[in-house]
N, C-alpha and C. Protein backbone atom coordinates (compact mmCIF):
# COMPACT_ATOMS: atom_id res chain seq x y z
N MET A 1 0.79 -1.17 -0.03
CA MET A 1 -0.07 0.15 -0.11
C MET A 1 0.93 1.25 -0.26
N ASN A 2 0.54 2.13 -0.87
CA ASN A 2 1.36 3.36 -0.93
C ASN A 2 0.72 4.23 0.28
N VAL A 3 1.60 5.16 0.94
CA VAL A 3 1.14 5.84 2.16
C VAL A 3 1.58 7.38 1.78
N VAL A 4 0.57 8.42 1.94
CA VAL A 4 0.93 9.75 1.77
C VAL A 4 0.23 10.30 2.90
N PHE A 5 0.88 11.68 3.24
CA PHE A 5 0.50 12.23 4.42
C PHE A 5 0.00 13.76 4.02
N HIS A 6 -1.17 13.95 4.90
CA HIS A 6 -1.57 15.32 4.64
C HIS A 6 -0.63 16.41 5.53
N LYS A 7 -0.76 17.50 5.09
CA LYS A 7 -0.07 18.72 5.81
C LYS A 7 -0.42 18.59 7.44
N ARG A 8 -1.67 18.56 7.66
CA ARG A 8 -2.28 18.52 9.02
C ARG A 8 -1.49 17.13 9.69
N PHE A 9 -1.60 16.03 9.05
CA PHE A 9 -1.06 14.92 9.73
C PHE A 9 0.43 15.15 10.16
N GLU A 10 1.14 15.82 9.44
CA GLU A 10 2.63 16.14 9.42
C GLU A 10 2.73 17.02 10.61
N LYS A 11 2.05 18.02 10.70
CA LYS A 11 2.09 18.91 11.69
C LYS A 11 1.81 18.37 13.21
N LEU A 12 0.81 17.47 13.06
CA LEU A 12 0.34 16.84 14.37
C LEU A 12 1.24 15.75 14.83
N ALA A 13 1.86 15.09 13.93
CA ALA A 13 2.98 14.02 14.25
C ALA A 13 4.28 14.67 14.62
N ALA A 14 4.56 16.08 14.41
CA ALA A 14 5.79 16.64 14.64
C ALA A 14 5.65 16.93 16.12
N LYS A 15 4.40 17.15 16.64
CA LYS A 15 4.29 17.45 18.16
C LYS A 15 4.14 16.34 19.08
N LEU A 16 4.28 15.00 18.59
CA LEU A 16 4.15 13.81 19.35
C LEU A 16 5.40 13.53 20.34
N PRO A 17 5.22 12.95 21.41
CA PRO A 17 6.39 12.59 22.17
C PRO A 17 7.42 11.60 21.20
N GLN A 18 8.51 11.61 21.48
CA GLN A 18 9.57 10.91 20.58
C GLN A 18 9.36 9.42 20.60
N LYS A 19 8.74 8.66 21.78
CA LYS A 19 8.54 7.30 21.75
C LYS A 19 7.22 7.13 21.12
N VAL A 20 6.25 7.97 20.89
CA VAL A 20 5.16 7.67 20.00
C VAL A 20 5.55 7.99 18.65
N LYS A 21 6.32 8.79 18.25
CA LYS A 21 6.78 8.88 16.85
C LYS A 21 7.52 7.73 16.30
N GLN A 22 8.37 7.15 17.21
CA GLN A 22 8.79 5.93 16.73
C GLN A 22 7.87 4.73 16.41
N LYS A 23 6.95 4.65 17.40
CA LYS A 23 5.79 3.63 17.30
C LYS A 23 5.06 3.88 15.99
N MET A 24 4.55 5.24 15.82
CA MET A 24 3.92 5.74 14.43
C MET A 24 4.94 5.08 13.28
N VAL A 25 6.12 5.52 13.21
CA VAL A 25 6.84 4.98 11.97
C VAL A 25 6.81 3.40 11.99
N GLU A 26 6.89 2.59 13.10
CA GLU A 26 6.74 1.12 12.92
C GLU A 26 5.50 0.85 12.47
N ARG A 27 4.20 1.32 13.17
CA ARG A 27 2.83 0.70 12.58
C ARG A 27 2.42 1.18 11.36
N ILE A 28 3.12 2.43 10.71
CA ILE A 28 2.67 2.81 9.39
C ILE A 28 3.48 2.03 8.40
N SER A 29 4.70 1.67 8.65
CA SER A 29 5.41 0.87 7.94
C SER A 29 4.90 -0.46 7.93
N LEU A 30 4.23 -1.15 8.95
CA LEU A 30 3.68 -2.40 9.05
C LEU A 30 2.25 -2.12 8.07
N PHE A 31 1.67 -1.00 8.18
CA PHE A 31 0.40 -0.85 7.43
C PHE A 31 0.67 -0.84 6.01
N ALA A 32 1.90 -0.30 5.53
CA ALA A 32 2.33 -0.11 4.12
C ALA A 32 2.53 -1.60 3.68
N GLN A 33 3.02 -2.58 4.35
CA GLN A 33 3.26 -3.94 4.16
C GLN A 33 2.10 -4.71 4.06
N ASP A 34 1.06 -4.42 5.04
CA ASP A 34 -0.16 -5.51 5.18
C ASP A 34 -1.01 -4.61 5.80
N PRO A 35 -1.77 -3.73 4.92
CA PRO A 35 -2.90 -2.80 5.60
C PRO A 35 -4.04 -3.67 6.52
N LEU A 36 -4.21 -5.11 6.51
CA LEU A 36 -4.99 -5.57 7.32
C LEU A 36 -4.50 -6.36 8.37
N ASN A 37 -3.32 -6.09 8.69
CA ASN A 37 -2.52 -6.82 9.83
C ASN A 37 -3.48 -6.73 11.15
N PRO A 38 -3.75 -7.63 11.92
CA PRO A 38 -4.64 -7.85 13.01
C PRO A 38 -3.83 -6.70 14.20
N GLN A 39 -2.61 -6.53 14.12
CA GLN A 39 -1.90 -5.86 15.16
C GLN A 39 -2.40 -4.14 14.93
N LEU A 40 -2.79 -3.90 13.88
CA LEU A 40 -3.21 -2.50 13.45
C LEU A 40 -4.67 -2.19 14.09
N ARG A 41 -5.57 -3.19 14.29
CA ARG A 41 -6.89 -3.03 14.72
C ARG A 41 -7.53 -2.03 13.90
N VAL A 42 -7.52 -2.26 12.46
CA VAL A 42 -8.02 -1.38 11.49
C VAL A 42 -9.52 -1.40 11.78
N HIS A 43 -10.37 -0.36 11.84
CA HIS A 43 -11.69 -0.04 11.77
C HIS A 43 -12.25 1.08 11.17
N SER A 44 -13.51 0.94 10.69
CA SER A 44 -13.98 2.14 9.82
C SER A 44 -14.55 3.18 10.85
N LEU A 45 -14.75 4.24 10.58
CA LEU A 45 -15.01 5.33 11.30
C LEU A 45 -16.54 6.07 10.92
N TYR A 46 -17.05 6.72 11.98
CA TYR A 46 -18.36 7.60 11.64
C TYR A 46 -18.09 8.82 11.93
N THR A 47 -19.10 9.62 12.05
CA THR A 47 -19.12 11.12 12.25
C THR A 47 -17.98 11.50 13.33
N PRO A 48 -17.15 12.55 13.08
CA PRO A 48 -17.05 13.30 11.89
C PRO A 48 -15.98 12.72 10.97
N TYR A 49 -15.71 11.65 10.98
CA TYR A 49 -14.54 11.06 10.09
C TYR A 49 -15.23 10.11 9.20
N LYS A 50 -16.46 10.23 8.60
CA LYS A 50 -17.03 9.06 7.89
C LYS A 50 -16.44 8.93 6.78
N GLY A 51 -16.34 7.91 6.42
CA GLY A 51 -15.65 7.07 5.17
C GLY A 51 -14.12 7.12 5.44
N SER A 52 -13.53 7.27 6.63
CA SER A 52 -12.23 7.07 7.00
C SER A 52 -12.07 6.09 7.86
N PHE A 53 -10.75 5.35 8.05
CA PHE A 53 -10.44 4.29 8.91
C PHE A 53 -9.42 4.76 9.74
N SER A 54 -9.29 3.95 10.84
CA SER A 54 -8.32 4.23 12.21
C SER A 54 -7.40 3.08 12.26
N ILE A 55 -6.18 3.53 12.69
CA ILE A 55 -5.44 2.24 12.99
C ILE A 55 -4.66 2.69 14.49
N ASP A 56 -4.34 1.69 15.26
CA ASP A 56 -3.74 1.86 16.50
C ASP A 56 -2.33 2.10 16.40
N ILE A 57 -1.87 3.11 17.06
CA ILE A 57 -0.45 3.46 17.10
C ILE A 57 0.09 2.90 18.46
N THR A 58 -0.48 3.42 19.50
CA THR A 58 -0.21 2.76 20.92
C THR A 58 -1.55 2.49 21.59
N GLY A 59 -1.46 2.25 22.75
CA GLY A 59 -2.91 1.94 23.50
C GLY A 59 -3.90 3.04 23.27
N ASP A 60 -3.29 4.44 23.32
CA ASP A 60 -4.30 5.57 23.22
C ASP A 60 -4.30 6.31 22.05
N TYR A 61 -3.03 6.29 21.34
CA TYR A 61 -2.91 7.13 20.20
C TYR A 61 -3.48 6.15 18.76
N ARG A 62 -4.08 7.08 17.91
CA ARG A 62 -4.72 6.53 16.75
C ARG A 62 -4.07 7.42 15.56
N ALA A 63 -4.16 6.81 14.40
CA ALA A 63 -3.79 7.58 13.25
C ALA A 63 -5.11 7.37 12.18
N ILE A 64 -5.56 8.24 11.45
CA ILE A 64 -6.84 8.16 10.70
C ILE A 64 -6.23 8.47 9.38
N TYR A 65 -6.95 7.60 8.47
CA TYR A 65 -6.58 7.88 6.98
C TYR A 65 -7.66 7.63 6.26
N GLU A 66 -7.66 8.05 4.99
CA GLU A 66 -8.81 7.71 3.82
C GLU A 66 -8.12 6.92 2.71
N LEU A 67 -8.86 6.24 2.11
CA LEU A 67 -8.32 5.62 1.01
C LEU A 67 -8.59 6.38 -0.33
N ILE A 68 -7.47 6.79 -0.92
CA ILE A 68 -7.61 7.43 -2.28
C ILE A 68 -7.97 6.70 -3.42
N ASP A 69 -7.38 5.38 -3.55
CA ASP A 69 -7.68 4.34 -4.26
C ASP A 69 -7.22 3.08 -3.84
N ASP A 70 -7.39 1.98 -4.54
CA ASP A 70 -7.19 0.69 -4.04
C ASP A 70 -5.47 0.54 -3.60
N GLU A 71 -4.58 1.41 -3.87
CA GLU A 71 -3.29 1.30 -3.57
C GLU A 71 -2.69 2.43 -2.91
N THR A 72 -3.57 3.31 -2.54
CA THR A 72 -3.14 4.69 -1.73
C THR A 72 -3.95 5.04 -0.66
N ALA A 73 -3.16 5.25 0.42
CA ALA A 73 -4.05 5.72 1.83
C ALA A 73 -3.30 6.95 2.04
N LEU A 74 -4.16 8.06 2.33
CA LEU A 74 -3.74 9.28 2.85
C LEU A 74 -4.10 9.39 4.31
N PHE A 75 -3.02 9.63 5.07
CA PHE A 75 -3.13 9.75 6.48
C PHE A 75 -3.41 11.23 6.86
N THR A 76 -4.47 11.43 7.51
CA THR A 76 -4.97 12.77 7.71
C THR A 76 -4.83 13.41 9.29
N HIS A 77 -4.87 12.60 10.12
CA HIS A 77 -4.97 13.05 11.58
C HIS A 77 -4.28 11.78 12.35
N ILE A 78 -3.67 12.31 13.55
CA ILE A 78 -3.02 11.55 14.61
C ILE A 78 -3.07 12.12 15.84
N GLY A 79 -3.45 11.39 17.03
CA GLY A 79 -3.66 11.86 18.26
C GLY A 79 -4.14 10.87 19.17
N THR A 80 -4.45 11.39 20.35
CA THR A 80 -5.06 10.33 21.32
C THR A 80 -6.51 10.22 20.90
N HIS A 81 -7.12 9.08 21.61
CA HIS A 81 -8.52 8.97 21.57
C HIS A 81 -9.34 10.13 21.87
N SER A 82 -9.03 10.78 22.90
CA SER A 82 -9.67 11.82 23.35
C SER A 82 -9.61 13.23 22.51
N GLN A 83 -8.45 13.31 21.92
CA GLN A 83 -8.14 14.40 21.13
C GLN A 83 -9.05 14.29 19.78
N LEU A 84 -9.00 13.24 19.26
CA LEU A 84 -9.53 12.86 17.97
C LEU A 84 -11.19 12.72 18.08
N TYR A 85 -11.75 12.19 19.21
CA TYR A 85 -13.21 12.02 19.21
C TYR A 85 -13.79 12.64 20.32
N ARG A 86 -13.45 14.11 20.25
CA ARG A 86 -14.29 14.97 21.06
C ARG A 86 -15.64 15.19 20.98
């Protein structure tokens, strides 16, 4: 799977603690190799992210992406569960 990042995602990711950044790189690399890997706990989302999907980065951090086409995922948001789903 090809992975691209929205500017918003890049700004949010830059503010993450270093350990979370490292885990993010690991999880997105795993996603690129196998988007349906059970460790990622991929699930579809509802309002306000209808049509998007989420993967687990850590126990509390999530990354949200949209499918651009069958081969490309656009990551749009990253943050804690409470930051993303207010």
